[in-house]
Amino acid sequence: QVQLVESGGGSVQPGGSLRLSCAASGNIFRINAMGWYRQAPGKERELVARITGGSTTNYADSVKGRFTISSHRDANTVYLQMSSLKPEDTAVYYCNVNGAEGRGLFDSWGQGTQVTVSS
C-alpha cells in the first residue's frame, strides 16, 4: 500500500508564509494526481489545490494568487506554498495522492497537519 507523510504545519501570523510537504512511499508505478484539502472546525472538507499530469493545476477561489502547488515526481512528493496567510486559512490540511501501485490502483490520504493563522 501507499502511505503519505505530511510535514510543515504550524502557527503563523496573518500575512506570513508556510510550506507544506507530503511524501508518498510504497511500490508506486504511476501517480495520476496529488492534492491538498483542508477542514476547518464546523466546516466541510474542501479542495485547496490539485495537480495532475505533473503540470495541470486547480485551486479553490479563496486561495488563488496566494497558494502554489508543486511536485517533485522523482521523490513522490507534493508541496503547498502558502503566502499572505489569513485567519480563515486556519484548518487541518490533508494531502491526497492517487495512481497505480503493485496491487492495483490506490487513493491515499495523509494524517493531516494543523495550520493556525493568528496574531
N, C-alpha and C. Protein backbone atom coordinates (compact mmCIF):
# COMPACT_ATOMS: atom_id res chain seq x y z
N GLN A 1 0.83 -1.18 0.00
CA GLN A 1 0.00 0.00 0.00
C GLN A 1 0.88 1.25 0.00
N VAL A 2 0.26 2.35 -0.35
CA VAL A 2 0.95 3.63 -0.40
C VAL A 2 0.59 4.44 0.84
N GLN A 3 1.62 4.94 1.50
CA GLN A 3 1.42 5.76 2.69
C GLN A 3 1.94 7.17 2.46
N LEU A 4 1.26 8.15 3.05
CA LEU A 4 1.63 9.54 2.91
C LEU A 4 2.01 10.11 4.26
N VAL A 5 3.09 10.89 4.29
CA VAL A 5 3.54 11.55 5.50
C VAL A 5 3.63 13.04 5.24
N GLU A 6 2.91 13.83 6.04
CA GLU A 6 2.87 15.27 5.88
C GLU A 6 3.79 15.95 6.88
N SER A 7 4.26 17.14 6.51
CA SER A 7 5.06 17.95 7.40
C SER A 7 4.94 19.41 7.00
N GLY A 8 5.34 20.30 7.89
CA GLY A 8 5.38 21.72 7.59
C GLY A 8 4.30 22.56 8.24
N GLY A 9 3.35 21.94 8.91
CA GLY A 9 2.31 22.70 9.57
C GLY A 9 2.85 23.44 10.78
N GLY A 10 2.05 24.39 11.27
CA GLY A 10 2.44 25.16 12.42
C GLY A 10 1.60 26.40 12.58
N SER A 11 2.08 27.31 13.41
CA SER A 11 1.39 28.56 13.70
C SER A 11 2.13 29.72 13.07
N VAL A 12 1.38 30.63 12.44
CA VAL A 12 1.97 31.77 11.76
C VAL A 12 1.06 32.97 11.90
N GLN A 13 1.63 34.17 11.83
CA GLN A 13 0.85 35.39 11.91
C GLN A 13 0.20 35.73 10.57
N PRO A 14 -0.90 36.47 10.57
CA PRO A 14 -1.51 36.88 9.30
C PRO A 14 -0.49 37.58 8.41
N GLY A 15 -0.55 37.25 7.12
CA GLY A 15 0.40 37.79 6.17
C GLY A 15 1.66 36.97 6.02
N GLY A 16 1.83 36.00 6.87
CA GLY A 16 3.01 35.16 6.83
C GLY A 16 2.91 34.06 5.79
N SER A 17 3.95 33.23 5.75
CA SER A 17 4.04 32.15 4.78
C SER A 17 4.35 30.84 5.46
N LEU A 18 3.98 29.77 4.79
CA LEU A 18 4.22 28.43 5.30
C LEU A 18 4.26 27.48 4.12
N ARG A 19 5.09 26.46 4.20
CA ARG A 19 5.18 25.46 3.14
C ARG A 19 4.91 24.07 3.70
N LEU A 20 3.94 23.40 3.12
CA LEU A 20 3.60 22.05 3.49
C LEU A 20 4.23 21.06 2.52
N SER A 21 4.62 19.90 3.05
CA SER A 21 5.19 18.85 2.23
C SER A 21 4.45 17.55 2.50
N CYS A 22 4.38 16.71 1.48
CA CYS A 22 3.75 15.41 1.61
C CYS A 22 4.52 14.42 0.76
N ALA A 23 5.07 13.39 1.40
CA ALA A 23 5.86 12.39 0.71
C ALA A 23 5.13 11.05 0.68
N ALA A 24 5.03 10.47 -0.50
CA ALA A 24 4.38 9.17 -0.68
C ALA A 24 5.42 8.07 -0.76
N SER A 25 5.14 6.96 -0.10
CA SER A 25 6.06 5.82 -0.13
C SER A 25 5.29 4.54 -0.43
N GLY A 26 5.97 3.59 -1.03
CA GLY A 26 5.37 2.33 -1.40
C GLY A 26 5.80 1.92 -2.80
N ASN A 27 5.22 0.84 -3.29
CA ASN A 27 5.56 0.35 -4.61
C ASN A 27 4.74 1.09 -5.67
N ILE A 28 5.12 2.34 -5.90
CA ILE A 28 4.37 3.22 -6.78
C ILE A 28 4.85 3.07 -8.22
N PHE A 29 3.91 2.78 -9.12
CA PHE A 29 4.20 2.69 -10.54
C PHE A 29 3.89 3.99 -11.25
N ARG A 30 2.82 4.66 -10.83
CA ARG A 30 2.37 5.86 -11.51
C ARG A 30 1.52 6.69 -10.56
N ILE A 31 1.72 8.00 -10.60
CA ILE A 31 0.89 8.93 -9.86
C ILE A 31 0.03 9.71 -10.84
N ASN A 32 -1.28 9.68 -10.63
CA ASN A 32 -2.20 10.40 -11.50
C ASN A 32 -2.46 11.82 -11.02
N ALA A 33 -2.62 11.98 -9.71
CA ALA A 33 -2.94 13.29 -9.19
C ALA A 33 -2.48 13.42 -7.75
N MET A 34 -2.14 14.64 -7.37
CA MET A 34 -1.79 14.97 -5.99
C MET A 34 -2.59 16.21 -5.61
N GLY A 35 -3.05 16.25 -4.38
CA GLY A 35 -3.84 17.40 -3.98
C GLY A 35 -3.77 17.67 -2.50
N TRP A 36 -4.21 18.87 -2.14
CA TRP A 36 -4.31 19.30 -0.76
C TRP A 36 -5.74 19.67 -0.45
N TYR A 37 -6.23 19.19 0.67
CA TYR A 37 -7.56 19.50 1.17
C TYR A 37 -7.43 20.08 2.57
N ARG A 38 -8.45 20.78 3.02
CA ARG A 38 -8.42 21.31 4.38
C ARG A 38 -9.80 21.24 5.00
N GLN A 39 -9.82 21.17 6.31
CA GLN A 39 -11.07 21.14 7.05
C GLN A 39 -10.94 22.01 8.29
N ALA A 40 -11.75 23.05 8.34
CA ALA A 40 -11.79 23.94 9.49
C ALA A 40 -12.88 23.48 10.45
N PRO A 41 -12.78 23.86 11.72
CA PRO A 41 -13.81 23.47 12.69
C PRO A 41 -15.21 23.87 12.24
N GLY A 42 -16.13 22.92 12.27
CA GLY A 42 -17.50 23.20 11.90
C GLY A 42 -17.76 23.31 10.41
N LYS A 43 -16.76 23.04 9.59
CA LYS A 43 -16.93 23.15 8.15
C LYS A 43 -16.61 21.83 7.45
N GLU A 44 -17.07 21.72 6.22
CA GLU A 44 -16.79 20.53 5.42
C GLU A 44 -15.37 20.58 4.87
N ARG A 45 -14.83 19.40 4.60
CA ARG A 45 -13.53 19.34 3.97
C ARG A 45 -13.64 19.85 2.54
N GLU A 46 -12.67 20.68 2.15
CA GLU A 46 -12.70 21.28 0.84
C GLU A 46 -11.37 21.11 0.11
N LEU A 47 -11.46 21.06 -1.20
CA LEU A 47 -10.26 21.01 -2.02
C LEU A 47 -9.58 22.37 -2.01
N VAL A 48 -8.28 22.38 -1.75
CA VAL A 48 -7.50 23.60 -1.76
C VAL A 48 -6.76 23.74 -3.09
N ALA A 49 -6.05 22.69 -3.48
CA ALA A 49 -5.28 22.71 -4.71
C ALA A 49 -5.02 21.29 -5.17
N ARG A 50 -4.89 21.13 -6.48
CA ARG A 50 -4.63 19.82 -7.06
C ARG A 50 -3.71 19.97 -8.25
N ILE A 51 -2.86 18.98 -8.47
CA ILE A 51 -2.01 18.95 -9.65
C ILE A 51 -2.11 17.59 -10.29
N THR A 52 -2.35 17.57 -11.60
CA THR A 52 -2.48 16.33 -12.35
C THR A 52 -1.57 16.37 -13.56
N GLY A 53 -1.13 15.18 -13.99
CA GLY A 53 -0.26 15.10 -15.15
C GLY A 53 1.05 15.83 -14.98
N GLY A 54 1.40 16.16 -13.77
CA GLY A 54 2.65 16.84 -13.48
C GLY A 54 2.67 18.32 -13.78
N SER A 55 1.58 18.86 -14.34
CA SER A 55 1.60 20.27 -14.72
C SER A 55 0.28 21.00 -14.58
N THR A 56 -0.83 20.31 -14.75
CA THR A 56 -2.14 20.96 -14.68
C THR A 56 -2.55 21.18 -13.23
N THR A 57 -2.89 22.42 -12.89
CA THR A 57 -3.24 22.75 -11.52
C THR A 57 -4.66 23.30 -11.42
N ASN A 58 -5.23 23.14 -10.24
CA ASN A 58 -6.56 23.65 -9.94
C ASN A 58 -6.55 24.16 -8.51
N TYR A 59 -7.12 25.36 -8.30
CA TYR A 59 -7.14 25.98 -6.99
C TYR A 59 -8.54 26.40 -6.59
N ALA A 60 -8.80 26.35 -5.29
CA ALA A 60 -10.01 26.95 -4.78
C ALA A 60 -9.93 28.46 -4.98
N ASP A 61 -11.07 29.08 -5.24
CA ASP A 61 -11.08 30.53 -5.47
C ASP A 61 -10.50 31.31 -4.30
N SER A 62 -10.70 30.81 -3.10
CA SER A 62 -10.27 31.51 -1.91
C SER A 62 -8.75 31.57 -1.74
N VAL A 63 -8.01 30.74 -2.47
CA VAL A 63 -6.56 30.71 -2.31
C VAL A 63 -5.81 31.10 -3.57
N LYS A 64 -6.52 31.35 -4.66
CA LYS A 64 -5.86 31.72 -5.90
C LYS A 64 -5.03 32.98 -5.73
N GLY A 65 -3.81 32.94 -6.24
CA GLY A 65 -2.90 34.07 -6.12
C GLY A 65 -2.10 34.07 -4.85
N ARG A 66 -2.45 33.21 -3.89
CA ARG A 66 -1.74 33.15 -2.62
C ARG A 66 -1.04 31.82 -2.40
N PHE A 67 -1.65 30.74 -2.87
CA PHE A 67 -1.09 29.40 -2.69
C PHE A 67 -0.56 28.87 -4.01
N THR A 68 0.48 28.05 -3.94
CA THR A 68 1.04 27.41 -5.12
C THR A 68 1.32 25.95 -4.82
N ILE A 69 0.78 25.07 -5.66
CA ILE A 69 1.05 23.65 -5.51
C ILE A 69 2.12 23.24 -6.52
N SER A 70 3.01 22.36 -6.10
CA SER A 70 4.06 21.86 -6.97
C SER A 70 4.40 20.44 -6.55
N SER A 71 5.16 19.76 -7.38
CA SER A 71 5.53 18.38 -7.08
C SER A 71 6.95 18.08 -7.50
N HIS A 72 7.56 17.16 -6.80
CA HIS A 72 8.85 16.60 -7.16
C HIS A 72 8.58 15.12 -7.43
N ARG A 73 8.31 14.81 -8.69
CA ARG A 73 7.84 13.47 -9.04
C ARG A 73 8.88 12.38 -8.78
N ASP A 74 10.14 12.70 -8.92
CA ASP A 74 11.18 11.71 -8.66
C ASP A 74 11.17 11.26 -7.20
N ALA A 75 10.73 12.13 -6.32
CA ALA A 75 10.68 11.81 -4.90
C ALA A 75 9.26 11.54 -4.41
N ASN A 76 8.30 11.50 -5.33
CA ASN A 76 6.89 11.27 -5.00
C ASN A 76 6.43 12.21 -3.90
N THR A 77 6.74 13.48 -4.08
CA THR A 77 6.45 14.49 -3.07
C THR A 77 5.66 15.64 -3.67
N VAL A 78 4.69 16.14 -2.91
CA VAL A 78 3.90 17.29 -3.32
C VAL A 78 4.04 18.37 -2.26
N TYR A 79 4.07 19.62 -2.71
CA TYR A 79 4.24 20.75 -1.81
C TYR A 79 3.08 21.73 -1.96
N LEU A 80 2.84 22.48 -0.91
CA LEU A 80 1.89 23.58 -0.96
C LEU A 80 2.54 24.79 -0.33
N GLN A 81 2.91 25.76 -1.16
CA GLN A 81 3.48 27.01 -0.69
C GLN A 81 2.34 27.98 -0.41
N MET A 82 2.21 28.40 0.83
CA MET A 82 1.13 29.28 1.24
C MET A 82 1.71 30.64 1.64
N SER A 83 1.22 31.69 1.00
CA SER A 83 1.67 33.04 1.28
C SER A 83 0.46 33.92 1.60
N SER A 84 0.74 35.09 2.16
CA SER A 84 -0.32 36.03 2.53
C SER A 84 -1.43 35.33 3.31
N LEU A 85 -1.04 34.56 4.28
CA LEU A 85 -1.99 33.75 5.02
C LEU A 85 -2.97 34.61 5.81
N LYS A 86 -4.20 34.13 5.88
CA LYS A 86 -5.28 34.80 6.57
C LYS A 86 -5.82 33.90 7.69
N PRO A 87 -6.45 34.50 8.70
CA PRO A 87 -7.02 33.67 9.77
C PRO A 87 -7.98 32.61 9.25
N GLU A 88 -8.71 32.90 8.18
CA GLU A 88 -9.64 31.94 7.63
C GLU A 88 -8.97 30.75 6.95
N ASP A 89 -7.65 30.80 6.81
CA ASP A 89 -6.90 29.65 6.30
C ASP A 89 -6.65 28.62 7.39
N THR A 90 -6.95 28.96 8.62
CA THR A 90 -6.75 28.04 9.73
C THR A 90 -7.58 26.77 9.53
N ALA A 91 -6.91 25.63 9.55
CA ALA A 91 -7.57 24.36 9.31
C ALA A 91 -6.56 23.23 9.46
N VAL A 92 -7.07 22.01 9.44
CA VAL A 92 -6.22 20.85 9.30
C VAL A 92 -6.09 20.56 7.81
N TYR A 93 -4.87 20.47 7.34
CA TYR A 93 -4.61 20.25 5.93
C TYR A 93 -4.22 18.80 5.68
N TYR A 94 -4.85 18.19 4.68
CA TYR A 94 -4.61 16.81 4.33
C TYR A 94 -4.12 16.72 2.89
N CYS A 95 -3.12 15.88 2.65
CA CYS A 95 -2.72 15.64 1.28
C CYS A 95 -3.35 14.34 0.78
N ASN A 96 -3.52 14.27 -0.52
CA ASN A 96 -4.13 13.11 -1.17
C ASN A 96 -3.36 12.79 -2.44
N VAL A 97 -3.07 11.51 -2.64
CA VAL A 97 -2.36 11.07 -3.83
C VAL A 97 -3.04 9.82 -4.36
N ASN A 98 -3.26 9.75 -5.66
CA ASN A 98 -3.82 8.55 -6.26
C ASN A 98 -3.03 8.17 -7.50
N GLY A 99 -3.13 6.89 -7.86
CA GLY A 99 -2.41 6.39 -9.01
C GLY A 99 -2.44 4.88 -9.03
N ALA A 100 -1.33 4.28 -9.47
CA ALA A 100 -1.22 2.83 -9.56
C ALA A 100 0.01 2.35 -8.80
N GLU A 101 -0.18 1.25 -8.07
CA GLU A 101 0.92 0.63 -7.34
C GLU A 101 0.89 -0.87 -7.60
N GLY A 102 1.72 -1.63 -6.89
CA GLY A 102 1.89 -3.05 -7.15
C GLY A 102 0.62 -3.87 -7.08
N ARG A 103 -0.33 -3.48 -6.25
CA ARG A 103 -1.57 -4.24 -6.06
C ARG A 103 -2.73 -3.72 -6.89
N GLY A 104 -2.51 -2.66 -7.63
CA GLY A 104 -3.57 -2.05 -8.41
C GLY A 104 -3.62 -0.56 -8.19
N LEU A 105 -4.82 0.01 -8.24
CA LEU A 105 -4.99 1.43 -8.03
C LEU A 105 -4.95 1.77 -6.54
N PHE A 106 -4.54 2.99 -6.24
CA PHE A 106 -4.54 3.44 -4.86
C PHE A 106 -5.07 4.87 -4.76
N ASP A 107 -5.57 5.18 -3.60
CA ASP A 107 -6.07 6.51 -3.27
C ASP A 107 -5.78 6.71 -1.79
N SER A 108 -4.69 7.40 -1.49
CA SER A 108 -4.20 7.50 -0.12
C SER A 108 -4.29 8.92 0.42
N TRP A 109 -4.46 9.01 1.74
CA TRP A 109 -4.55 10.28 2.44
C TRP A 109 -3.47 10.39 3.51
N GLY A 110 -2.99 11.60 3.71
CA GLY A 110 -2.04 11.86 4.78
C GLY A 110 -2.75 11.95 6.12
N GLN A 111 -1.95 12.07 7.17
CA GLN A 111 -2.50 12.07 8.53
C GLN A 111 -3.11 13.41 8.93
N GLY A 112 -2.83 14.45 8.18
CA GLY A 112 -3.32 15.78 8.49
C GLY A 112 -2.30 16.57 9.28
N THR A 113 -2.19 17.85 8.97
CA THR A 113 -1.29 18.73 9.70
C THR A 113 -2.01 20.05 9.98
N GLN A 114 -1.88 20.53 11.21
CA GLN A 114 -2.59 21.73 11.64
C GLN A 114 -1.88 22.99 11.17
N VAL A 115 -2.64 23.90 10.57
CA VAL A 115 -2.16 25.23 10.21
C VAL A 115 -3.02 26.25 10.96
N THR A 116 -2.37 27.07 11.76
CA THR A 116 -3.07 28.08 12.53
C THR A 116 -2.53 29.46 12.19
N VAL A 117 -3.43 30.36 11.79
CA VAL A 117 -3.06 31.72 11.42
C VAL A 117 -3.72 32.67 12.41
N SER A 118 -2.93 33.31 13.25
CA SER A 118 -3.47 34.22 14.26
C SER A 118 -2.39 35.18 14.72
N SER A 119 -2.84 36.30 15.31
CA SER A 119 -1.91 37.30 15.81
C SER A 119 -1.39 36.90 17.18
